[in-house]
Amino acid sequence: MYRHRAHAQVLYGHFNEYLKAIQELNAVSRKRGWPVSTVWTEVVGTGNEVIVEEEYSDLASFAKVTQAFQSDAEAMKIFRGTAGLVVQGSAHDELLEEVARPLA
């Protein structure tokens, strides 16, 4: 199992706009059969920090969905619309791999 997390700090006063954009992206994802995102925020830490997370069964699925997403005009229009809602330079991604058993 792989978990993709996209971190960003949303500009003050624009948090709901960002959440609505994620809801719109989730609607597109459902139509396309892609994983939907969950949105998390820190209880303490950086103000207006969001973590948008999806799960994938394997790396091939992650690569396939990423390529499809980046080639989808509807998804990219919504995604690009979030650029003006986040603090420039605050966005970063991580890809986590589940450790399901001891290593050899």
N, C-alpha and C. Protein backbone atom coordinates (compact mmCIF):
# COMPACT_ATOMS: atom_id res chain seq x y z
N MET A 1 0.85 -1.18 0.00
CA MET A 1 0.00 0.00 0.00
C MET A 1 0.90 1.24 0.00
N TYR A 2 0.49 2.22 -0.77
CA TYR A 2 1.21 3.48 -0.84
C TYR A 2 0.25 4.61 -0.50
N ARG A 3 0.77 5.61 0.18
CA ARG A 3 -0.02 6.76 0.58
C ARG A 3 0.67 8.02 0.08
N HIS A 4 -0.04 8.79 -0.74
CA HIS A 4 0.48 10.06 -1.25
C HIS A 4 -0.09 11.18 -0.40
N ARG A 5 0.79 12.06 0.06
CA ARG A 5 0.36 13.22 0.83
C ARG A 5 0.90 14.49 0.17
N ALA A 6 0.00 15.43 -0.05
CA ALA A 6 0.38 16.74 -0.57
C ALA A 6 0.14 17.76 0.54
N HIS A 7 1.19 18.44 0.94
CA HIS A 7 1.12 19.43 2.02
C HIS A 7 1.12 20.83 1.42
N ALA A 8 0.38 21.73 2.03
CA ALA A 8 0.40 23.13 1.63
C ALA A 8 -0.14 23.98 2.77
N GLN A 9 0.26 25.23 2.78
CA GLN A 9 -0.30 26.19 3.72
C GLN A 9 -1.25 27.08 2.93
N VAL A 10 -2.51 27.08 3.33
CA VAL A 10 -3.53 27.87 2.65
C VAL A 10 -3.48 29.30 3.17
N LEU A 11 -3.63 30.25 2.25
CA LEU A 11 -3.67 31.66 2.65
C LEU A 11 -4.83 31.91 3.61
N TYR A 12 -4.59 32.72 4.60
CA TYR A 12 -5.66 33.06 5.55
C TYR A 12 -6.84 33.65 4.81
N GLY A 13 -8.03 33.22 5.20
CA GLY A 13 -9.25 33.70 4.59
C GLY A 13 -9.69 32.90 3.37
N HIS A 14 -8.92 31.88 2.99
CA HIS A 14 -9.22 31.12 1.77
C HIS A 14 -9.37 29.61 2.01
N PHE A 15 -9.45 29.21 3.28
CA PHE A 15 -9.49 27.80 3.62
C PHE A 15 -10.71 27.11 3.00
N ASN A 16 -11.88 27.72 3.11
CA ASN A 16 -13.10 27.10 2.55
C ASN A 16 -13.03 27.00 1.03
N GLU A 17 -12.44 27.98 0.37
CA GLU A 17 -12.27 27.90 -1.08
C GLU A 17 -11.40 26.70 -1.46
N TYR A 18 -10.35 26.49 -0.68
CA TYR A 18 -9.45 25.36 -0.93
C TYR A 18 -10.21 24.04 -0.73
N LEU A 19 -10.98 23.95 0.35
CA LEU A 19 -11.75 22.73 0.61
C LEU A 19 -12.75 22.46 -0.51
N LYS A 20 -13.39 23.52 -1.02
CA LYS A 20 -14.34 23.35 -2.13
C LYS A 20 -13.62 22.83 -3.37
N ALA A 21 -12.42 23.31 -3.62
CA ALA A 21 -11.65 22.83 -4.78
C ALA A 21 -11.33 21.34 -4.63
N ILE A 22 -10.99 20.92 -3.43
CA ILE A 22 -10.71 19.50 -3.20
C ILE A 22 -11.99 18.68 -3.41
N GLN A 23 -13.12 19.20 -2.98
CA GLN A 23 -14.39 18.51 -3.21
C GLN A 23 -14.66 18.37 -4.71
N GLU A 24 -14.37 19.42 -5.48
CA GLU A 24 -14.54 19.37 -6.93
C GLU A 24 -13.58 18.34 -7.56
N LEU A 25 -12.34 18.31 -7.08
CA LEU A 25 -11.39 17.32 -7.58
C LEU A 25 -11.84 15.91 -7.23
N ASN A 26 -12.41 15.74 -6.04
CA ASN A 26 -12.92 14.42 -5.66
C ASN A 26 -14.07 13.99 -6.56
N ALA A 27 -14.90 14.93 -6.97
CA ALA A 27 -16.00 14.61 -7.89
C ALA A 27 -15.44 14.11 -9.22
N VAL A 28 -14.40 14.78 -9.72
CA VAL A 28 -13.75 14.35 -10.96
C VAL A 28 -13.13 12.96 -10.74
N SER A 29 -12.47 12.78 -9.61
CA SER A 29 -11.83 11.50 -9.32
C SER A 29 -12.84 10.36 -9.29
N ARG A 30 -13.99 10.59 -8.70
CA ARG A 30 -15.02 9.55 -8.67
C ARG A 30 -15.47 9.18 -10.09
N LYS A 31 -15.67 10.22 -10.93
CA LYS A 31 -16.09 9.98 -12.31
C LYS A 31 -15.04 9.17 -13.08
N ARG A 32 -13.78 9.40 -12.79
CA ARG A 32 -12.69 8.75 -13.53
C ARG A 32 -12.24 7.43 -12.90
N GLY A 33 -12.77 7.13 -11.70
CA GLY A 33 -12.37 5.90 -11.02
C GLY A 33 -11.03 6.02 -10.32
N TRP A 34 -10.61 7.24 -10.01
CA TRP A 34 -9.36 7.48 -9.29
C TRP A 34 -9.64 7.50 -7.79
N PRO A 35 -8.62 7.30 -6.96
CA PRO A 35 -8.82 7.43 -5.52
C PRO A 35 -9.24 8.85 -5.14
N VAL A 36 -10.13 8.96 -4.18
CA VAL A 36 -10.53 10.29 -3.69
C VAL A 36 -9.61 10.69 -2.55
N SER A 37 -9.52 11.98 -2.33
CA SER A 37 -8.64 12.54 -1.31
C SER A 37 -9.38 12.78 -0.01
N THR A 38 -8.64 12.62 1.07
CA THR A 38 -9.11 13.10 2.37
C THR A 38 -8.25 14.30 2.73
N VAL A 39 -8.83 15.22 3.48
CA VAL A 39 -8.12 16.44 3.86
C VAL A 39 -7.90 16.42 5.37
N TRP A 40 -6.67 16.67 5.74
CA TRP A 40 -6.28 16.71 7.15
C TRP A 40 -5.67 18.07 7.46
N THR A 41 -5.75 18.47 8.71
CA THR A 41 -5.08 19.68 9.15
C THR A 41 -4.48 19.43 10.53
N GLU A 42 -3.43 20.12 10.81
CA GLU A 42 -2.74 19.94 12.08
C GLU A 42 -3.57 20.54 13.21
N VAL A 43 -3.62 19.83 14.33
CA VAL A 43 -4.29 20.37 15.52
C VAL A 43 -3.44 21.48 16.12
N VAL A 44 -2.15 21.26 16.16
CA VAL A 44 -1.19 22.30 16.55
C VAL A 44 -0.08 22.28 15.50
N GLY A 45 0.53 23.39 15.29
CA GLY A 45 1.59 23.48 14.28
C GLY A 45 1.38 24.71 13.42
N THR A 46 1.75 24.61 12.17
CA THR A 46 1.64 25.73 11.22
C THR A 46 0.17 26.03 10.94
N GLY A 47 -0.20 27.29 11.05
CA GLY A 47 -1.58 27.70 10.78
C GLY A 47 -1.97 27.47 9.34
N ASN A 48 -3.20 27.01 9.15
CA ASN A 48 -3.78 26.78 7.83
C ASN A 48 -3.01 25.77 6.99
N GLU A 49 -2.28 24.88 7.63
CA GLU A 49 -1.60 23.80 6.93
C GLU A 49 -2.62 22.72 6.59
N VAL A 50 -2.61 22.25 5.34
CA VAL A 50 -3.48 21.15 4.93
C VAL A 50 -2.63 20.01 4.39
N ILE A 51 -3.15 18.83 4.59
CA ILE A 51 -2.53 17.63 4.03
C ILE A 51 -3.64 16.90 3.27
N VAL A 52 -3.45 16.76 1.98
CA VAL A 52 -4.41 16.08 1.12
C VAL A 52 -3.82 14.70 0.83
N GLU A 53 -4.60 13.65 1.11
CA GLU A 53 -4.05 12.31 1.10
C GLU A 53 -4.89 11.35 0.27
N GLU A 54 -4.21 10.48 -0.50
CA GLU A 54 -4.86 9.39 -1.23
C GLU A 54 -4.06 8.12 -1.01
N GLU A 55 -4.74 6.97 -1.13
CA GLU A 55 -4.08 5.68 -1.02
C GLU A 55 -4.10 4.95 -2.36
N TYR A 56 -3.01 4.21 -2.63
CA TYR A 56 -2.85 3.44 -3.85
C TYR A 56 -2.38 2.04 -3.48
N SER A 57 -2.82 1.05 -4.24
CA SER A 57 -2.44 -0.32 -3.94
C SER A 57 -0.98 -0.61 -4.27
N ASP A 58 -0.44 0.09 -5.27
CA ASP A 58 0.95 -0.16 -5.69
C ASP A 58 1.48 1.06 -6.44
N LEU A 59 2.78 1.03 -6.73
CA LEU A 59 3.41 2.15 -7.43
C LEU A 59 2.88 2.33 -8.84
N ALA A 60 2.56 1.23 -9.49
CA ALA A 60 2.03 1.32 -10.86
C ALA A 60 0.70 2.07 -10.87
N SER A 61 -0.14 1.83 -9.88
CA SER A 61 -1.42 2.54 -9.77
C SER A 61 -1.20 4.03 -9.54
N PHE A 62 -0.25 4.36 -8.67
CA PHE A 62 0.08 5.76 -8.41
C PHE A 62 0.53 6.44 -9.69
N ALA A 63 1.44 5.79 -10.44
CA ALA A 63 1.95 6.37 -11.68
C ALA A 63 0.85 6.53 -12.71
N LYS A 64 -0.01 5.53 -12.84
CA LYS A 64 -1.10 5.57 -13.82
C LYS A 64 -2.07 6.71 -13.52
N VAL A 65 -2.47 6.84 -12.26
CA VAL A 65 -3.42 7.90 -11.89
C VAL A 65 -2.77 9.27 -12.02
N THR A 66 -1.51 9.38 -11.63
CA THR A 66 -0.81 10.67 -11.74
C THR A 66 -0.76 11.12 -13.20
N GLN A 67 -0.41 10.21 -14.09
CA GLN A 67 -0.34 10.55 -15.52
C GLN A 67 -1.71 10.92 -16.06
N ALA A 68 -2.73 10.15 -15.68
CA ALA A 68 -4.09 10.44 -16.14
C ALA A 68 -4.56 11.79 -15.61
N PHE A 69 -4.29 12.06 -14.34
CA PHE A 69 -4.68 13.34 -13.72
C PHE A 69 -4.04 14.50 -14.46
N GLN A 70 -2.74 14.41 -14.70
CA GLN A 70 -2.02 15.50 -15.35
C GLN A 70 -2.41 15.69 -16.81
N SER A 71 -3.05 14.69 -17.39
CA SER A 71 -3.52 14.77 -18.78
C SER A 71 -5.00 15.15 -18.88
N ASP A 72 -5.66 15.32 -17.75
CA ASP A 72 -7.09 15.58 -17.71
C ASP A 72 -7.34 17.09 -17.56
N ALA A 73 -7.92 17.70 -18.59
CA ALA A 73 -8.12 19.15 -18.60
C ALA A 73 -9.01 19.62 -17.45
N GLU A 74 -10.07 18.88 -17.15
CA GLU A 74 -10.98 19.28 -16.07
C GLU A 74 -10.28 19.25 -14.72
N ALA A 75 -9.55 18.17 -14.44
CA ALA A 75 -8.84 18.06 -13.16
C ALA A 75 -7.76 19.13 -13.04
N MET A 76 -7.00 19.34 -14.10
CA MET A 76 -5.91 20.31 -14.05
C MET A 76 -6.41 21.74 -13.91
N LYS A 77 -7.55 22.05 -14.50
CA LYS A 77 -8.11 23.40 -14.34
C LYS A 77 -8.42 23.67 -12.87
N ILE A 78 -9.04 22.71 -12.21
CA ILE A 78 -9.35 22.86 -10.78
C ILE A 78 -8.06 22.93 -9.97
N PHE A 79 -7.14 22.01 -10.25
CA PHE A 79 -5.87 21.97 -9.52
C PHE A 79 -5.10 23.29 -9.66
N ARG A 80 -5.01 23.80 -10.88
CA ARG A 80 -4.30 25.07 -11.10
C ARG A 80 -4.99 26.22 -10.38
N GLY A 81 -6.30 26.11 -10.23
CA GLY A 81 -7.05 27.15 -9.51
C GLY A 81 -6.68 27.25 -8.05
N THR A 82 -6.10 26.18 -7.49
CA THR A 82 -5.70 26.23 -6.07
C THR A 82 -4.38 26.97 -5.88
N ALA A 83 -3.65 27.24 -6.95
CA ALA A 83 -2.34 27.89 -6.82
C ALA A 83 -2.43 29.25 -6.14
N GLY A 84 -3.48 29.98 -6.42
CA GLY A 84 -3.65 31.29 -5.80
C GLY A 84 -4.18 31.24 -4.38
N LEU A 85 -4.43 30.03 -3.88
CA LEU A 85 -4.97 29.86 -2.52
C LEU A 85 -3.92 29.42 -1.52
N VAL A 86 -2.72 29.10 -1.99
CA VAL A 86 -1.69 28.59 -1.09
C VAL A 86 -0.49 29.53 -1.03
N VAL A 87 0.22 29.47 0.08
CA VAL A 87 1.43 30.27 0.26
C VAL A 87 2.50 29.72 -0.67
N GLN A 88 3.03 30.58 -1.52
CA GLN A 88 4.04 30.14 -2.49
C GLN A 88 5.24 29.54 -1.76
N GLY A 89 5.68 28.39 -2.24
CA GLY A 89 6.83 27.72 -1.65
C GLY A 89 6.48 26.79 -0.49
N SER A 90 5.22 26.77 -0.07
CA SER A 90 4.85 25.93 1.08
C SER A 90 4.45 24.51 0.67
N ALA A 91 4.17 24.30 -0.60
CA ALA A 91 3.68 22.99 -1.04
C ALA A 91 4.82 22.00 -1.20
N HIS A 92 4.57 20.79 -0.71
CA HIS A 92 5.50 19.69 -0.94
C HIS A 92 4.73 18.37 -0.83
N ASP A 93 5.25 17.35 -1.47
CA ASP A 93 4.59 16.05 -1.51
C ASP A 93 5.47 15.00 -0.84
N GLU A 94 4.81 13.92 -0.43
CA GLU A 94 5.53 12.76 0.05
C GLU A 94 4.77 11.51 -0.39
N LEU A 95 5.50 10.43 -0.59
CA LEU A 95 4.90 9.16 -0.94
C LEU A 95 5.41 8.14 0.06
N LEU A 96 4.48 7.56 0.82
CA LEU A 96 4.83 6.62 1.88
C LEU A 96 4.51 5.20 1.45
N GLU A 97 5.36 4.28 1.85
CA GLU A 97 5.14 2.87 1.58
C GLU A 97 4.86 2.18 2.91
N GLU A 98 3.80 1.39 2.94
CA GLU A 98 3.45 0.64 4.14
C GLU A 98 4.46 -0.48 4.35
N VAL A 99 4.89 -0.64 5.59
CA VAL A 99 5.75 -1.75 5.95
C VAL A 99 4.86 -2.81 6.57
N ALA A 100 4.63 -3.91 5.83
CA ALA A 100 3.67 -4.91 6.25
C ALA A 100 4.31 -6.14 6.91
N ARG A 101 5.63 -6.24 6.78
CA ARG A 101 6.29 -7.42 7.36
C ARG A 101 7.74 -7.08 7.66
N PRO A 102 8.39 -7.87 8.50
CA PRO A 102 9.81 -7.62 8.78
C PRO A 102 10.65 -7.78 7.51
N LEU A 103 11.74 -7.09 7.47
CA LEU A 103 12.68 -7.19 6.33
C LEU A 103 13.56 -8.41 6.50
N ALA A 104 14.13 -8.89 5.42
CA ALA A 104 15.00 -10.08 5.44
C ALA A 104 16.28 -9.78 6.18
